[in-house]
Amino acid sequence: EQYDKNLTLTYPDERLQDKHALNQWLHFQMSLQGPFFHQAGW
């Protein structure tokens, strides 16, 4: 939000589905991949 003014790694507001789908996958990574991979390793 602060530094990707050129939309290098995101999409503009006009692409509403895509913009929020990115956030969806980030939440998937945070809530599933990271915690479960960590617990598997433990």
PDB file of all heavy atoms in Angstrom:
ATOM      1  N   GLU A   1       0.822  -1.210   0.000  1.00  0.00           N
ATOM      2  CA  GLU A   1       0.000   0.000   0.000  1.00  0.00           C
ATOM      3  C   GLU A   1       0.861   1.268   0.000  1.00  0.00           C
ATOM      4  O   GLU A   1       0.517   2.258  -0.648  1.00  0.00           O
ATOM      5  CB  GLU A   1      -0.921  -0.002   1.219  1.00  0.00           C
ATOM      6  CG  GLU A   1      -2.023  -1.043   1.135  1.00  0.00           C
ATOM      7  CD  GLU A   1      -2.961  -0.988   2.330  1.00  0.00           C
ATOM      8  OE1 GLU A   1      -2.725  -0.162   3.249  1.00  0.00           O
ATOM      9  OE2 GLU A   1      -3.928  -1.772   2.346  1.00  0.00           O
ATOM     10  N   GLN A   2       1.980   1.209   0.701  1.00  0.00           N
ATOM     11  CA  GLN A   2       2.792   2.412   0.872  1.00  0.00           C
ATOM     12  C   GLN A   2       3.790   2.629  -0.256  1.00  0.00           C
ATOM     13  O   GLN A   2       4.076   3.777  -0.630  1.00  0.00           O
ATOM     14  CB  GLN A   2       3.530   2.334   2.217  1.00  0.00           C
ATOM     15  CG  GLN A   2       4.243   3.603   2.633  1.00  0.00           C
ATOM     16  CD  GLN A   2       3.271   4.716   3.008  1.00  0.00           C
ATOM     17  OE1 GLN A   2       2.140   4.469   3.411  1.00  0.00           O
ATOM     18  NE2 GLN A   2       3.708   5.961   2.843  1.00  0.00           N
ATOM     19  N   TYR A   3       4.309   1.535  -0.829  1.00  0.00           N
ATOM     20  CA  TYR A   3       5.455   1.674  -1.723  1.00  0.00           C
ATOM     21  C   TYR A   3       5.250   1.126  -3.140  1.00  0.00           C
ATOM     22  O   TYR A   3       6.052   1.428  -4.010  1.00  0.00           O
ATOM     23  CB  TYR A   3       6.681   1.002  -1.089  1.00  0.00           C
ATOM     24  CG  TYR A   3       7.181   1.745   0.121  1.00  0.00           C
ATOM     25  CD1 TYR A   3       6.870   1.305   1.405  1.00  0.00           C
ATOM     26  CD2 TYR A   3       7.926   2.913  -0.010  1.00  0.00           C
ATOM     27  CE1 TYR A   3       7.301   2.006   2.528  1.00  0.00           C
ATOM     28  CE2 TYR A   3       8.365   3.617   1.097  1.00  0.00           C
ATOM     29  CZ  TYR A   3       8.048   3.158   2.363  1.00  0.00           C
ATOM     30  OH  TYR A   3       8.473   3.860   3.472  1.00  0.00           O
ATOM     31  N   ASP A   4       4.207   0.355  -3.370  1.00  0.00           N
ATOM     32  CA  ASP A   4       4.016  -0.176  -4.725  1.00  0.00           C
ATOM     33  C   ASP A   4       3.095   0.736  -5.531  1.00  0.00           C
ATOM     34  O   ASP A   4       2.029   0.323  -5.987  1.00  0.00           O
ATOM     35  CB  ASP A   4       3.470  -1.607  -4.667  1.00  0.00           C
ATOM     36  CG  ASP A   4       3.542  -2.290  -6.026  1.00  0.00           C
ATOM     37  OD1 ASP A   4       4.153  -1.727  -6.968  1.00  0.00           O
ATOM     38  OD2 ASP A   4       2.991  -3.403  -6.166  1.00  0.00           O
ATOM     39  N   LYS A   5       3.529   1.954  -5.730  1.00  0.00           N
ATOM     40  CA  LYS A   5       2.712   2.934  -6.444  1.00  0.00           C
ATOM     41  C   LYS A   5       2.593   2.612  -7.929  1.00  0.00           C
ATOM     42  O   LYS A   5       1.635   3.019  -8.592  1.00  0.00           O
ATOM     43  CB  LYS A   5       3.293   4.348  -6.270  1.00  0.00           C
ATOM     44  CG  LYS A   5       3.445   4.795  -4.818  1.00  0.00           C
ATOM     45  CD  LYS A   5       2.144   4.730  -4.044  1.00  0.00           C
ATOM     46  CE  LYS A   5       2.304   5.254  -2.616  1.00  0.00           C
ATOM     47  NZ  LYS A   5       1.064   5.111  -1.813  1.00  0.00           N
ATOM     48  N   ASN A   6       3.565   1.858  -8.452  1.00  0.00           N
ATOM     49  CA  ASN A   6       3.530   1.483  -9.865  1.00  0.00           C
ATOM     50  C   ASN A   6       2.794   0.175 -10.107  1.00  0.00           C
ATOM     51  O   ASN A   6       2.776  -0.330 -11.244  1.00  0.00           O
ATOM     52  CB  ASN A   6       4.954   1.385 -10.419  1.00  0.00           C
ATOM     53  CG  ASN A   6       5.658   2.722 -10.443  1.00  0.00           C
ATOM     54  OD1 ASN A   6       5.032   3.766 -10.675  1.00  0.00           O
ATOM     55  ND2 ASN A   6       6.962   2.720 -10.204  1.00  0.00           N
ATOM     56  N   LEU A   7       2.222  -0.385  -9.064  1.00  0.00           N
ATOM     57  CA  LEU A   7       1.448  -1.641  -9.164  1.00  0.00           C
ATOM     58  C   LEU A   7       2.291  -2.779  -9.734  1.00  0.00           C
ATOM     59  O   LEU A   7       1.813  -3.607 -10.515  1.00  0.00           O
ATOM     60  CB  LEU A   7       0.195  -1.432 -10.008  1.00  0.00           C
ATOM     61  CG  LEU A   7      -0.735  -0.283  -9.567  1.00  0.00           C
ATOM     62  CD1 LEU A   7      -1.921  -0.176 -10.517  1.00  0.00           C
ATOM     63  CD2 LEU A   7      -1.205  -0.480  -8.137  1.00  0.00           C
ATOM     64  N   THR A   8       3.547  -2.832  -9.315  1.00  0.00           N
ATOM     65  CA  THR A   8       4.453  -3.882  -9.790  1.00  0.00           C
ATOM     66  C   THR A   8       4.014  -5.255  -9.307  1.00  0.00           C
ATOM     67  O   THR A   8       4.080  -6.238 -10.064  1.00  0.00           O
ATOM     68  CB  THR A   8       5.890  -3.598  -9.293  1.00  0.00           C
ATOM     69  OG1 THR A   8       6.282  -2.297  -9.758  1.00  0.00           O
ATOM     70  CG2 THR A   8       6.866  -4.644  -9.811  1.00  0.00           C
ATOM     71  N   LEU A   9       3.557  -5.324  -8.060  1.00  0.00           N
ATOM     72  CA  LEU A   9       3.212  -6.621  -7.454  1.00  0.00           C
ATOM     73  C   LEU A   9       1.748  -6.710  -7.045  1.00  0.00           C
ATOM     74  O   LEU A   9       1.357  -7.595  -6.287  1.00  0.00           O
ATOM     75  CB  LEU A   9       4.088  -6.873  -6.219  1.00  0.00           C
ATOM     76  CG  LEU A   9       5.594  -6.971  -6.457  1.00  0.00           C
ATOM     77  CD1 LEU A   9       6.316  -7.159  -5.121  1.00  0.00           C
ATOM     78  CD2 LEU A   9       5.935  -8.120  -7.399  1.00  0.00           C
ATOM     79  N   THR A  10       0.938  -5.802  -7.566  1.00  0.00           N
ATOM     80  CA  THR A  10      -0.483  -5.821  -7.233  1.00  0.00           C
ATOM     81  C   THR A  10      -1.281  -5.373  -8.446  1.00  0.00           C
ATOM     82  O   THR A  10      -0.728  -5.206  -9.544  1.00  0.00           O
ATOM     83  CB  THR A  10      -0.772  -4.934  -5.999  1.00  0.00           C
ATOM     84  OG1 THR A  10      -2.124  -5.141  -5.588  1.00  0.00           O
ATOM     85  CG2 THR A  10      -0.514  -3.463  -6.280  1.00  0.00           C
ATOM     86  N   TYR A  11      -2.602  -5.179  -8.271  1.00  0.00           N
ATOM     87  CA  TYR A  11      -3.480  -4.756  -9.357  1.00  0.00           C
ATOM     88  C   TYR A  11      -4.249  -3.493  -8.940  1.00  0.00           C
ATOM     89  O   TYR A  11      -4.410  -3.223  -7.748  1.00  0.00           O
ATOM     90  CB  TYR A  11      -4.459  -5.877  -9.719  1.00  0.00           C
ATOM     91  CG  TYR A  11      -3.791  -7.062 -10.379  1.00  0.00           C
ATOM     92  CD1 TYR A  11      -3.671  -8.273  -9.700  1.00  0.00           C
ATOM     93  CD2 TYR A  11      -3.259  -6.963 -11.658  1.00  0.00           C
ATOM     94  CE1 TYR A  11      -3.055  -9.360 -10.302  1.00  0.00           C
ATOM     95  CE2 TYR A  11      -2.635  -8.033 -12.261  1.00  0.00           C
ATOM     96  CZ  TYR A  11      -2.532  -9.242 -11.580  1.00  0.00           C
ATOM     97  OH  TYR A  11      -1.902 -10.308 -12.176  1.00  0.00           O
ATOM     98  N   PRO A  12      -4.714  -2.731  -9.906  1.00  0.00           N
ATOM     99  CA  PRO A  12      -5.420  -1.479  -9.589  1.00  0.00           C
ATOM    100  C   PRO A  12      -6.808  -1.734  -9.005  1.00  0.00           C
ATOM    101  O   PRO A  12      -7.359  -2.837  -9.110  1.00  0.00           O
ATOM    102  CB  PRO A  12      -5.515  -0.782 -10.952  1.00  0.00           C
ATOM    103  CG  PRO A  12      -5.491  -1.893 -11.948  1.00  0.00           C
ATOM    104  CD  PRO A  12      -4.583  -2.943 -11.366  1.00  0.00           C
ATOM    105  N   ASP A  13      -7.373  -0.702  -8.420  1.00  0.00           N
ATOM    106  CA  ASP A  13      -8.702  -0.806  -7.807  1.00  0.00           C
ATOM    107  C   ASP A  13      -9.759  -1.251  -8.809  1.00  0.00           C
ATOM    108  O   ASP A  13     -10.739  -1.908  -8.441  1.00  0.00           O
ATOM    109  CB  ASP A  13      -9.113   0.549  -7.211  1.00  0.00           C
ATOM    110  CG  ASP A  13      -8.263   0.927  -6.010  1.00  0.00           C
ATOM    111  OD1 ASP A  13      -7.595   0.031  -5.447  1.00  0.00           O
ATOM    112  OD2 ASP A  13      -8.260   2.118  -5.636  1.00  0.00           O
ATOM    113  N   GLU A  14      -9.562  -0.884 -10.075  1.00  0.00           N
ATOM    114  CA  GLU A  14     -10.546  -1.239 -11.105  1.00  0.00           C
ATOM    115  C   GLU A  14     -10.645  -2.752 -11.301  1.00  0.00           C
ATOM    116  O   GLU A  14     -11.675  -3.251 -11.763  1.00  0.00           O
ATOM    117  CB  GLU A  14     -10.190  -0.572 -12.435  1.00  0.00           C
ATOM    118  CG  GLU A  14     -10.305   0.944 -12.434  1.00  0.00           C
ATOM    119  CD  GLU A  14      -9.156   1.629 -11.682  1.00  0.00           C
ATOM    120  OE1 GLU A  14      -8.073   0.998 -11.574  1.00  0.00           O
ATOM    121  OE2 GLU A  14      -9.357   2.761 -11.193  1.00  0.00           O
ATOM    122  N   ARG A  15      -9.574  -3.458 -10.953  1.00  0.00           N
ATOM    123  CA  ARG A  15      -9.610  -4.920 -11.056  1.00  0.00           C
ATOM    124  C   ARG A  15      -9.928  -5.477  -9.671  1.00  0.00           C
ATOM    125  O   ARG A  15      -9.111  -6.112  -9.013  1.00  0.00           O
ATOM    126  CB  ARG A  15      -8.278  -5.444 -11.596  1.00  0.00           C
ATOM    127  CG  ARG A  15      -8.055  -5.048 -13.051  1.00  0.00           C
ATOM    128  CD  ARG A  15      -6.737  -5.529 -13.592  1.00  0.00           C
ATOM    129  NE  ARG A  15      -6.589  -6.978 -13.589  1.00  0.00           N
ATOM    130  CZ  ARG A  15      -5.598  -7.645 -14.187  1.00  0.00           C
ATOM    131  NH1 ARG A  15      -4.673  -6.962 -14.854  1.00  0.00           N
ATOM    132  NH2 ARG A  15      -5.522  -8.957 -14.134  1.00  0.00           N
ATOM    133  N   LEU A  16     -11.153  -5.225  -9.258  1.00  0.00           N
ATOM    134  CA  LEU A  16     -11.554  -5.501  -7.877  1.00  0.00           C
ATOM    135  C   LEU A  16     -11.382  -6.968  -7.505  1.00  0.00           C
ATOM    136  O   LEU A  16     -10.864  -7.295  -6.428  1.00  0.00           O
ATOM    137  CB  LEU A  16     -13.008  -5.061  -7.680  1.00  0.00           C
ATOM    138  CG  LEU A  16     -13.505  -4.994  -6.237  1.00  0.00           C
ATOM    139  CD1 LEU A  16     -12.740  -3.933  -5.460  1.00  0.00           C
ATOM    140  CD2 LEU A  16     -15.008  -4.706  -6.206  1.00  0.00           C
ATOM    141  N   GLN A  17     -11.835  -7.871  -8.373  1.00  0.00           N
ATOM    142  CA  GLN A  17     -11.708  -9.298  -8.090  1.00  0.00           C
ATOM    143  C   GLN A  17     -10.249  -9.691  -7.897  1.00  0.00           C
ATOM    144  O   GLN A  17      -9.893 -10.362  -6.921  1.00  0.00           O
ATOM    145  CB  GLN A  17     -12.331 -10.115  -9.231  1.00  0.00           C
ATOM    146  CG  GLN A  17     -12.083 -11.624  -9.129  1.00  0.00           C
ATOM    147  CD  GLN A  17     -12.747 -12.245  -7.913  1.00  0.00           C
ATOM    148  OE1 GLN A  17     -13.923 -11.996  -7.632  1.00  0.00           O
ATOM    149  NE2 GLN A  17     -11.991 -13.075  -7.186  1.00  0.00           N
ATOM    150  N   ASP A  18      -9.406  -9.288  -8.820  1.00  0.00           N
ATOM    151  CA  ASP A  18      -7.993  -9.662  -8.742  1.00  0.00           C
ATOM    152  C   ASP A  18      -7.316  -9.047  -7.517  1.00  0.00           C
ATOM    153  O   ASP A  18      -6.527  -9.705  -6.835  1.00  0.00           O
ATOM    154  CB  ASP A  18      -7.256  -9.227 -10.012  1.00  0.00           C
ATOM    155  CG  ASP A  18      -7.641 -10.065 -11.221  1.00  0.00           C
ATOM    156  OD1 ASP A  18      -8.172 -11.176 -11.030  1.00  0.00           O
ATOM    157  OD2 ASP A  18      -7.403  -9.616 -12.352  1.00  0.00           O
ATOM    158  N   LYS A  19      -7.622  -7.798  -7.249  1.00  0.00           N
ATOM    159  CA  LYS A  19      -6.981  -7.121  -6.109  1.00  0.00           C
ATOM    160  C   LYS A  19      -7.289  -7.844  -4.798  1.00  0.00           C
ATOM    161  O   LYS A  19      -6.393  -8.062  -3.965  1.00  0.00           O
ATOM    162  CB  LYS A  19      -7.445  -5.666  -6.040  1.00  0.00           C
ATOM    163  CG  LYS A  19      -6.779  -4.890  -4.913  1.00  0.00           C
ATOM    164  CD  LYS A  19      -7.181  -3.430  -4.903  1.00  0.00           C
ATOM    165  CE  LYS A  19      -6.495  -2.690  -3.764  1.00  0.00           C
ATOM    166  NZ  LYS A  19      -6.864  -1.254  -3.738  1.00  0.00           N
ATOM    167  N   HIS A  20      -8.531  -8.229  -4.616  1.00  0.00           N
ATOM    168  CA  HIS A  20      -8.902  -8.896  -3.372  1.00  0.00           C
ATOM    169  C   HIS A  20      -8.534 -10.375  -3.372  1.00  0.00           C
ATOM    170  O   HIS A  20      -8.317 -10.955  -2.292  1.00  0.00           O
ATOM    171  CB  HIS A  20     -10.388  -8.685  -3.087  1.00  0.00           C
ATOM    172  CG  HIS A  20     -10.687  -7.281  -2.653  1.00  0.00           C
ATOM    173  ND1 HIS A  20     -10.462  -6.842  -1.367  1.00  0.00           N
ATOM    174  CD2 HIS A  20     -11.143  -6.207  -3.353  1.00  0.00           C
ATOM    175  CE1 HIS A  20     -10.786  -5.572  -1.272  1.00  0.00           C
ATOM    176  NE2 HIS A  20     -11.192  -5.154  -2.461  1.00  0.00           N
ATOM    177  N   ALA A  21      -8.414 -10.960  -4.543  1.00  0.00           N
ATOM    178  CA  ALA A  21      -7.933 -12.337  -4.612  1.00  0.00           C
ATOM    179  C   ALA A  21      -6.481 -12.439  -4.135  1.00  0.00           C
ATOM    180  O   ALA A  21      -6.078 -13.450  -3.548  1.00  0.00           O
ATOM    181  CB  ALA A  21      -8.069 -12.886  -6.033  1.00  0.00           C
ATOM    182  N   LEU A  22      -5.702 -11.402  -4.378  1.00  0.00           N
ATOM    183  CA  LEU A  22      -4.327 -11.382  -3.872  1.00  0.00           C
ATOM    184  C   LEU A  22      -4.328 -11.446  -2.348  1.00  0.00           C
ATOM    185  O   LEU A  22      -3.558 -12.203  -1.741  1.00  0.00           O
ATOM    186  CB  LEU A  22      -3.597 -10.117  -4.333  1.00  0.00           C
ATOM    187  CG  LEU A  22      -3.376  -9.937  -5.831  1.00  0.00           C
ATOM    188  CD1 LEU A  22      -2.601  -8.643  -6.086  1.00  0.00           C
ATOM    189  CD2 LEU A  22      -2.638 -11.122  -6.420  1.00  0.00           C
ATOM    190  N   ASN A  23      -5.193 -10.659  -1.728  1.00  0.00           N
ATOM    191  CA  ASN A  23      -5.294 -10.660  -0.273  1.00  0.00           C
ATOM    192  C   ASN A  23      -5.780 -12.018   0.234  1.00  0.00           C
ATOM    193  O   ASN A  23      -5.336 -12.509   1.278  1.00  0.00           O
ATOM    194  CB  ASN A  23      -6.246  -9.548   0.165  1.00  0.00           C
ATOM    195  CG  ASN A  23      -6.162  -9.267   1.644  1.00  0.00           C
ATOM    196  OD1 ASN A  23      -5.089  -9.275   2.238  1.00  0.00           O
ATOM    197  ND2 ASN A  23      -7.304  -9.021   2.262  1.00  0.00           N
ATOM    198  N   GLN A  24      -6.689 -12.620  -0.520  1.00  0.00           N
ATOM    199  CA  GLN A  24      -7.177 -13.962  -0.183  1.00  0.00           C
ATOM    200  C   GLN A  24      -6.027 -14.961  -0.100  1.00  0.00           C
ATOM    201  O   GLN A  24      -5.893 -15.716   0.872  1.00  0.00           O
ATOM    202  CB  GLN A  24      -8.174 -14.401  -1.253  1.00  0.00           C
ATOM    203  CG  GLN A  24      -8.452 -15.893  -1.322  1.00  0.00           C
ATOM    204  CD  GLN A  24      -9.114 -16.245  -2.637  1.00  0.00           C
ATOM    205  OE1 GLN A  24     -10.317 -16.025  -2.775  1.00  0.00           O
ATOM    206  NE2 GLN A  24      -8.347 -16.752  -3.589  1.00  0.00           N
ATOM    207  N   TRP A  25      -5.154 -14.954  -1.111  1.00  0.00           N
ATOM    208  CA  TRP A  25      -4.042 -15.903  -1.132  1.00  0.00           C
ATOM    209  C   TRP A  25      -3.003 -15.579  -0.070  1.00  0.00           C
ATOM    210  O   TRP A  25      -2.375 -16.488   0.494  1.00  0.00           O
ATOM    211  CB  TRP A  25      -3.403 -15.947  -2.519  1.00  0.00           C
ATOM    212  CG  TRP A  25      -4.203 -16.759  -3.479  1.00  0.00           C
ATOM    213  CD1 TRP A  25      -4.901 -16.303  -4.561  1.00  0.00           C
ATOM    214  CD2 TRP A  25      -4.402 -18.175  -3.437  1.00  0.00           C
ATOM    215  NE1 TRP A  25      -5.519 -17.349  -5.195  1.00  0.00           N
ATOM    216  CE2 TRP A  25      -5.230 -18.509  -4.523  1.00  0.00           C
ATOM    217  CE3 TRP A  25      -3.972 -19.188  -2.593  1.00  0.00           C
ATOM    218  CZ2 TRP A  25      -5.636 -19.810  -4.791  1.00  0.00           C
ATOM    219  CZ3 TRP A  25      -4.363 -20.499  -2.851  1.00  0.00           C
ATOM    220  CH2 TRP A  25      -5.182 -20.801  -3.934  1.00  0.00           C
ATOM    221  N   LEU A  26      -2.824 -14.303   0.235  1.00  0.00           N
ATOM    222  CA  LEU A  26      -1.915 -13.953   1.331  1.00  0.00           C
ATOM    223  C   LEU A  26      -2.445 -14.515   2.646  1.00  0.00           C
ATOM    224  O   LEU A  26      -1.686 -15.060   3.455  1.00  0.00           O
ATOM    225  CB  LEU A  26      -1.760 -12.430   1.427  1.00  0.00           C
ATOM    226  CG  LEU A  26      -0.853 -11.928   2.553  1.00  0.00           C
ATOM    227  CD1 LEU A  26       0.580 -12.431   2.383  1.00  0.00           C
ATOM    228  CD2 LEU A  26      -0.873 -10.396   2.623  1.00  0.00           C
ATOM    229  N   HIS A  27      -3.752 -14.422   2.856  1.00  0.00           N
ATOM    230  CA  HIS A  27      -4.343 -14.978   4.078  1.00  0.00           C
ATOM    231  C   HIS A  27      -4.244 -16.502   4.088  1.00  0.00           C
ATOM    232  O   HIS A  27      -4.032 -17.099   5.156  1.00  0.00           O
ATOM    233  CB  HIS A  27      -5.799 -14.528   4.200  1.00  0.00           C
ATOM    234  CG  HIS A  27      -5.940 -13.150   4.761  1.00  0.00           C
ATOM    235  ND1 HIS A  27      -6.319 -12.900   6.053  1.00  0.00           N
ATOM    236  CD2 HIS A  27      -5.714 -11.932   4.206  1.00  0.00           C
ATOM    237  CE1 HIS A  27      -6.343 -11.603   6.287  1.00  0.00           C
ATOM    238  NE2 HIS A  27      -5.979 -10.986   5.169  1.00  0.00           N
ATOM    239  N   PHE A  28      -4.395 -17.129   2.941  1.00  0.00           N
ATOM    240  CA  PHE A  28      -4.202 -18.580   2.841  1.00  0.00           C
ATOM    241  C   PHE A  28      -2.788 -18.943   3.298  1.00  0.00           C
ATOM    242  O   PHE A  28      -2.590 -19.869   4.087  1.00  0.00           O
ATOM    243  CB  PHE A  28      -4.431 -19.012   1.390  1.00  0.00           C
ATOM    244  CG  PHE A  28      -4.261 -20.483   1.120  1.00  0.00           C
ATOM    245  CD1 PHE A  28      -5.363 -21.320   1.025  1.00  0.00           C
ATOM    246  CD2 PHE A  28      -2.997 -21.043   0.927  1.00  0.00           C
ATOM    247  CE1 PHE A  28      -5.218 -22.684   0.757  1.00  0.00           C
ATOM    248  CE2 PHE A  28      -2.838 -22.403   0.660  1.00  0.00           C
ATOM    249  CZ  PHE A  28      -3.949 -23.209   0.578  1.00  0.00           C
ATOM    250  N   GLN A  29      -1.829 -18.192   2.815  1.00  0.00           N
ATOM    251  CA  GLN A  29      -0.429 -18.468   3.187  1.00  0.00           C
ATOM    252  C   GLN A  29      -0.208 -18.259   4.683  1.00  0.00           C
ATOM    253  O   GLN A  29       0.446 -19.076   5.344  1.00  0.00           O
ATOM    254  CB  GLN A  29       0.503 -17.561   2.373  1.00  0.00           C
ATOM    255  CG  GLN A  29       1.985 -17.890   2.516  1.00  0.00           C
ATOM    256  CD  GLN A  29       2.607 -17.319   3.768  1.00  0.00           C
ATOM    257  OE1 GLN A  29       2.333 -16.194   4.169  1.00  0.00           O
ATOM    258  NE2 GLN A  29       3.480 -18.102   4.408  1.00  0.00           N
ATOM    259  N   MET A  30      -0.748 -17.190   5.234  1.00  0.00           N
ATOM    260  CA  MET A  30      -0.520 -16.864   6.639  1.00  0.00           C
ATOM    261  C   MET A  30      -1.223 -17.835   7.575  1.00  0.00           C
ATOM    262  O   MET A  30      -0.677 -18.226   8.606  1.00  0.00           O
ATOM    263  CB  MET A  30      -1.004 -15.445   6.944  1.00  0.00           C
ATOM    264  CG  MET A  30      -0.204 -14.340   6.287  1.00  0.00           C
ATOM    265  SD  MET A  30      -0.772 -12.714   6.852  1.00  0.00           S
ATOM    266  CE  MET A  30      -2.472 -12.703   6.284  1.00  0.00           C
ATOM    267  N   SER A  31      -2.445 -18.207   7.231  1.00  0.00           N
ATOM    268  CA  SER A  31      -3.243 -19.012   8.157  1.00  0.00           C
ATOM    269  C   SER A  31      -3.061 -20.508   7.972  1.00  0.00           C
ATOM    270  O   SER A  31      -3.337 -21.286   8.893  1.00  0.00           O
ATOM    271  CB  SER A  31      -4.735 -18.665   8.003  1.00  0.00           C
ATOM    272  OG  SER A  31      -5.197 -18.990   6.701  1.00  0.00           O
ATOM    273  N   LEU A  32      -2.578 -20.926   6.810  1.00  0.00           N
ATOM    274  CA  LEU A  32      -2.440 -22.357   6.536  1.00  0.00           C
ATOM    275  C   LEU A  32      -1.003 -22.772   6.273  1.00  0.00           C
ATOM    276  O   LEU A  32      -0.435 -23.573   7.017  1.00  0.00           O
ATOM    277  CB  LEU A  32      -3.334 -22.745   5.351  1.00  0.00           C
ATOM    278  CG  LEU A  32      -4.841 -22.707   5.640  1.00  0.00           C
ATOM    279  CD1 LEU A  32      -5.632 -22.900   4.349  1.00  0.00           C
ATOM    280  CD2 LEU A  32      -5.220 -23.768   6.661  1.00  0.00           C
ATOM    281  N   GLN A  33      -0.391 -22.235   5.215  1.00  0.00           N
ATOM    282  CA  GLN A  33       0.939 -22.719   4.871  1.00  0.00           C
ATOM    283  C   GLN A  33       1.935 -22.546   6.013  1.00  0.00           C
ATOM    284  O   GLN A  33       2.559 -23.506   6.465  1.00  0.00           O
ATOM    285  CB  GLN A  33       1.473 -22.026   3.624  1.00  0.00           C
ATOM    286  CG  GLN A  33       2.767 -22.661   3.119  1.00  0.00           C
ATOM    287  CD  GLN A  33       3.705 -21.671   2.436  1.00  0.00           C
ATOM    288  OE1 GLN A  33       3.775 -20.495   2.812  1.00  0.00           O
ATOM    289  NE2 GLN A  33       4.422 -22.142   1.429  1.00  0.00           N
ATOM    290  N   GLY A  34       2.109 -21.309   6.482  1.00  0.00           N
ATOM    291  CA  GLY A  34       3.099 -21.051   7.517  1.00  0.00           C
ATOM    292  C   GLY A  34       2.886 -21.875   8.781  1.00  0.00           C
ATOM    293  O   GLY A  34       3.776 -22.608   9.224  1.00  0.00           O
ATOM    294  N   PRO A  35       1.692 -21.807   9.398  1.00  0.00           N
ATOM    295  CA  PRO A  35       1.468 -22.562  10.631  1.00  0.00           C
ATOM    296  C   PRO A  35       1.593 -24.072  10.469  1.00  0.00           C
ATOM    297  O   PRO A  35       2.183 -24.748  11.324  1.00  0.00           O
ATOM    298  CB  PRO A  35       0.042 -22.167  11.026  1.00  0.00           C
ATOM    299  CG  PRO A  35      -0.153 -20.811  10.429  1.00  0.00           C
ATOM    300  CD  PRO A  35       0.600 -20.858   9.122  1.00  0.00           C
ATOM    301  N   PHE A  36       1.049 -24.628   9.396  1.00  0.00           N
ATOM    302  CA  PHE A  36       1.077 -26.086   9.251  1.00  0.00           C
ATOM    303  C   PHE A  36       2.453 -26.609   8.854  1.00  0.00           C
ATOM    304  O   PHE A  36       2.887 -27.660   9.330  1.00  0.00           O
ATOM    305  CB  PHE A  36       0.004 -26.546   8.260  1.00  0.00           C
ATOM    306  CG  PHE A  36      -1.349 -26.672   8.885  1.00  0.00           C
ATOM    307  CD1 PHE A  36      -2.246 -25.609   8.875  1.00  0.00           C
ATOM    308  CD2 PHE A  36      -1.742 -27.849   9.519  1.00  0.00           C
ATOM    309  CE1 PHE A  36      -3.493 -25.710   9.477  1.00  0.00           C
ATOM    310  CE2 PHE A  36      -2.995 -27.968  10.116  1.00  0.00           C
ATOM    311  CZ  PHE A  36      -3.875 -26.895  10.092  1.00  0.00           C
ATOM    312  N   PHE A  37       3.154 -25.876   7.995  1.00  0.00           N
ATOM    313  CA  PHE A  37       4.524 -26.287   7.670  1.00  0.00           C
ATOM    314  C   PHE A  37       5.385 -26.233   8.934  1.00  0.00           C
ATOM    315  O   PHE A  37       6.211 -27.113   9.178  1.00  0.00           O
ATOM    316  CB  PHE A  37       5.111 -25.384   6.586  1.00  0.00           C
ATOM    317  CG  PHE A  37       4.715 -25.747   5.181  1.00  0.00           C
ATOM    318  CD1 PHE A  37       3.441 -26.190   4.875  1.00  0.00           C
ATOM    319  CD2 PHE A  37       5.630 -25.630   4.136  1.00  0.00           C
ATOM    320  CE1 PHE A  37       3.074 -26.509   3.579  1.00  0.00           C
ATOM    321  CE2 PHE A  37       5.284 -25.962   2.834  1.00  0.00           C
ATOM    322  CZ  PHE A  37       3.999 -26.396   2.555  1.00  0.00           C
ATOM    323  N   HIS A  38       5.192 -25.200   9.730  1.00  0.00           N
ATOM    324  CA  HIS A  38       5.960 -25.060  10.966  1.00  0.00           C
ATOM    325  C   HIS A  38       5.685 -26.225  11.917  1.00  0.00           C
ATOM    326  O   HIS A  38       6.626 -26.825  12.466  1.00  0.00           O
ATOM    327  CB  HIS A  38       5.612 -23.743  11.648  1.00  0.00           C
ATOM    328  CG  HIS A  38       6.175 -23.611  13.027  1.00  0.00           C
ATOM    329  ND1 HIS A  38       7.504 -23.332  13.262  1.00  0.00           N
ATOM    330  CD2 HIS A  38       5.595 -23.754  14.249  1.00  0.00           C
ATOM    331  CE1 HIS A  38       7.720 -23.300  14.576  1.00  0.00           C
ATOM    332  NE2 HIS A  38       6.574 -23.550  15.189  1.00  0.00           N
ATOM    333  N   GLN A  39       4.420 -26.544  12.116  1.00  0.00           N
ATOM    334  CA  GLN A  39       4.085 -27.637  13.031  1.00  0.00           C
ATOM    335  C   GLN A  39       4.557 -28.983  12.498  1.00  0.00           C
ATOM    336  O   GLN A  39       4.998 -29.851  13.277  1.00  0.00           O
ATOM    337  CB  GLN A  39       2.578 -27.671  13.284  1.00  0.00           C
ATOM    338  CG  GLN A  39       2.046 -26.486  14.063  1.00  0.00           C
ATOM    339  CD  GLN A  39       2.632 -26.397  15.463  1.00  0.00           C
ATOM    340  OE1 GLN A  39       2.974 -27.403  16.080  1.00  0.00           O
ATOM    341  NE2 GLN A  39       2.772 -25.183  15.974  1.00  0.00           N
ATOM    342  N   ALA A  40       4.507 -29.171  11.190  1.00  0.00           N
ATOM    343  CA  ALA A  40       5.041 -30.407  10.607  1.00  0.00           C
ATOM    344  C   ALA A  40       6.529 -30.524  10.913  1.00  0.00           C
ATOM    345  O   ALA A  40       7.018 -31.582  11.332  1.00  0.00           O
ATOM    346  CB  ALA A  40       4.801 -30.432   9.095  1.00  0.00           C
ATOM    347  N   GLY A  41       7.263 -29.435  10.714  1.00  0.00           N
ATOM    348  CA  GLY A  41       8.690 -29.446  11.008  1.00  0.00           C
ATOM    349  C   GLY A  41       8.970 -29.737  12.467  1.00  0.00           C
ATOM    350  O   GLY A  41       9.894 -30.484  12.812  1.00  0.00           O
ATOM    351  N   TRP A  42       8.165 -29.139  13.346  1.00  0.00           N
ATOM    352  CA  TRP A  42       8.362 -29.361  14.777  1.00  0.00           C
ATOM    353  C   TRP A  42       8.174 -30.834  15.134  1.00  0.00           C
ATOM    354  O   TRP A  42       9.027 -31.455  15.774  1.00  0.00           O
ATOM    355  CB  TRP A  42       7.403 -28.496  15.590  1.00  0.00           C
ATOM    356  CG  TRP A  42       7.401 -28.863  17.047  1.00  0.00           C
ATOM    357  CD1 TRP A  42       6.488 -29.636  17.704  1.00  0.00           C
ATOM    358  CD2 TRP A  42       8.403 -28.521  18.008  1.00  0.00           C
ATOM    359  NE1 TRP A  42       6.840 -29.793  19.022  1.00  0.00           N
ATOM    360  CE2 TRP A  42       8.014 -29.118  19.233  1.00  0.00           C
ATOM    361  CE3 TRP A  42       9.574 -27.775  17.957  1.00  0.00           C
ATOM    362  CZ2 TRP A  42       8.763 -28.982  20.397  1.00  0.00           C
ATOM    363  CZ3 TRP A  42      10.322 -27.643  19.118  1.00  0.00           C
ATOM    364  CH2 TRP A  42       9.917 -28.238  20.316  1.00  0.00           C
TER     365      TRP A  42
END
